[in-house]
Amino acid sequence: MENINFSLNELEINKQVGVDIDDMNLFLGYEDMYDIEQMKLYYSTNYTIKCLTQILQYYGLAKNKMVKEEIIQVLLFFETDPENKFVVERRLRLWRNIHELKTDPYFSKYILF
C-alpha cells in the first residue's frame, strides 16, 4: 500500500478589483428578510452608475434617464421580489466569476467587463 501526501496552498486574491460579491450574499438570496437600507447603502457606495446600468441590462430592465438613486430603487424592488430569487442568485454567481477572471493573471487581459 502506498502513502499519499496531500498539501493545500491557499492563494491570496487581490480584492481591490471590483466589488466583494460575498457581502451581497449576507443580505440577498438566502434569507427571507432583506435589509433594504443595507442593500441601498451597499449599492450607493460600492457601485458606479455604469455598473448599476450593467445590472439593469442583465435583468432586462430599461434605464430611461434615471439617476443613481432611482436605479438603486428599481434594483432593490426587483431583487427583493421572491419571484426573481433565482435570477438574482445567478447574476451574483456570474458576477463573482467575472471578478475572479479579472484577478487571474492570464484571463484578466481577455475580460473587458
Protein backbone atom coordinates (compact mmCIF):
# COMPACT_ATOMS: atom_id res chain seq x y z
CA MET A 1 0.00 0.00 0.00
CA GLU A 2 1.31 3.44 -0.96
CA ASN A 3 1.35 6.53 1.20
CA ILE A 4 -0.49 9.51 -0.15
CA ASN A 5 0.69 13.02 0.59
CA PHE A 6 -1.66 15.95 0.17
CA SER A 7 -0.95 19.62 0.62
CA LEU A 8 -3.19 22.60 0.13
CA ASN A 9 -1.81 26.07 -0.53
CA GLU A 10 -4.23 28.97 -0.47
CA LEU A 11 -3.57 31.85 -2.79
CA GLU A 12 -4.24 35.41 -1.76
CA ILE A 13 -6.50 37.05 -4.33
CA ASN A 14 -6.37 40.79 -4.69
CA LYS A 15 -9.86 42.02 -3.75
CA GLN A 16 -9.27 45.55 -4.99
CA VAL A 17 -10.59 44.64 -8.43
CA GLY A 18 -14.34 45.10 -8.35
CA VAL A 19 -16.85 44.74 -5.57
CA ASP A 20 -16.86 41.99 -2.96
CA ILE A 21 -19.88 39.96 -4.05
CA ASP A 22 -19.85 37.88 -0.86
CA ASP A 23 -21.06 40.97 1.02
CA MET A 24 -24.21 40.86 -1.08
CA ASN A 25 -24.88 37.27 -0.01
CA LEU A 26 -25.20 38.47 3.58
CA PHE A 27 -28.47 40.18 2.82
CA LEU A 28 -29.52 38.84 -0.58
CA GLY A 29 -30.57 35.50 -1.96
CA TYR A 30 -30.50 33.19 1.04
CA GLU A 31 -32.74 34.83 3.58
CA ASP A 32 -36.43 35.62 3.55
CA MET A 33 -35.96 39.01 5.17
CA TYR A 34 -33.99 41.68 3.33
CA ASP A 35 -32.32 44.66 4.90
CA ILE A 36 -33.29 47.28 2.34
CA GLU A 37 -31.25 50.05 3.94
CA GLN A 38 -28.09 47.93 3.92
CA MET A 39 -28.65 47.00 0.29
CA LYS A 40 -29.24 50.65 -0.64
CA LEU A 41 -26.08 51.74 1.14
CA TYR A 42 -24.10 48.89 -0.45
CA TYR A 43 -25.18 49.81 -3.97
CA SER A 44 -24.67 53.54 -3.47
CA THR A 45 -21.15 53.23 -2.03
CA ASN A 46 -19.72 50.30 -4.00
CA TYR A 47 -21.19 50.69 -7.49
CA THR A 48 -20.90 53.33 -10.17
CA ILE A 49 -23.77 54.27 -12.46
CA LYS A 50 -22.10 52.24 -15.21
CA CYS A 51 -22.04 49.10 -13.03
CA LEU A 52 -25.63 49.61 -11.93
CA THR A 53 -26.66 50.04 -15.57
CA GLN A 54 -24.98 46.74 -16.43
CA ILE A 55 -27.01 45.03 -13.72
CA LEU A 56 -30.21 46.62 -15.05
CA GLN A 57 -29.37 45.40 -18.54
CA TYR A 58 -28.73 41.87 -17.25
CA TYR A 59 -32.18 41.82 -15.67
CA GLY A 60 -33.72 43.23 -18.86
CA LEU A 61 -34.80 46.45 -17.17
CA ALA A 62 -34.66 49.77 -19.01
CA LYS A 63 -32.62 52.67 -17.62
CA ASN A 64 -34.71 55.51 -19.15
CA LYS A 65 -32.77 58.57 -17.91
CA MET A 66 -32.74 57.56 -14.26
CA VAL A 67 -30.32 58.97 -11.73
CA LYS A 68 -28.31 56.70 -9.45
CA GLU A 69 -30.83 56.71 -6.60
CA GLU A 70 -33.66 55.74 -8.95
CA ILE A 71 -31.61 52.92 -10.46
CA ILE A 72 -30.92 51.60 -6.97
CA GLN A 73 -34.63 51.73 -6.11
CA VAL A 74 -35.50 49.72 -9.24
CA LEU A 75 -32.80 47.16 -8.43
CA LEU A 76 -33.97 46.83 -4.84
CA PHE A 77 -37.55 46.34 -5.95
CA PHE A 78 -36.51 43.68 -8.48
CA GLU A 79 -34.01 41.83 -6.27
CA THR A 80 -36.23 41.64 -3.20
CA ASP A 81 -39.11 40.12 -5.16
CA PRO A 82 -39.21 36.39 -4.27
CA GLU A 83 -40.11 35.50 -7.86
CA ASN A 84 -36.72 36.84 -9.02
CA LYS A 85 -34.64 34.94 -6.47
CA PHE A 86 -33.09 32.52 -8.95
CA VAL A 87 -32.24 35.24 -11.46
CA VAL A 88 -30.57 37.30 -8.73
CA GLU A 89 -28.59 34.30 -7.44
CA ARG A 90 -27.45 33.53 -10.97
CA ARG A 91 -26.34 37.13 -11.52
CA LEU A 92 -24.38 37.13 -8.27
CA ARG A 93 -22.67 33.87 -9.24
CA LEU A 94 -21.79 35.15 -12.71
CA TRP A 95 -20.52 38.49 -11.35
CA ARG A 96 -18.36 36.55 -8.87
CA ASN A 97 -16.94 34.53 -11.79
CA ILE A 98 -16.20 37.70 -13.75
CA HIS A 99 -14.32 39.22 -10.83
CA GLU A 100 -12.35 36.01 -10.34
CA LEU A 101 -11.36 36.02 -14.02
CA LYS A 102 -10.36 39.68 -13.78
CA THR A 103 -7.95 38.88 -10.94
CA ASP A 104 -6.34 35.98 -12.79
CA PRO A 105 -3.04 37.00 -14.42
CA TYR A 106 -3.82 35.15 -17.66
CA PHE A 107 -7.55 35.78 -18.13
CA SER A 108 -7.51 39.41 -16.98
CA LYS A 109 -6.35 40.57 -20.41
CA TYR A 110 -9.37 38.91 -22.04
CA ILE A 111 -12.11 40.25 -19.73
CA LEU A 112 -13.41 43.66 -20.81
CA PHE A 113 -16.23 43.95 -18.29
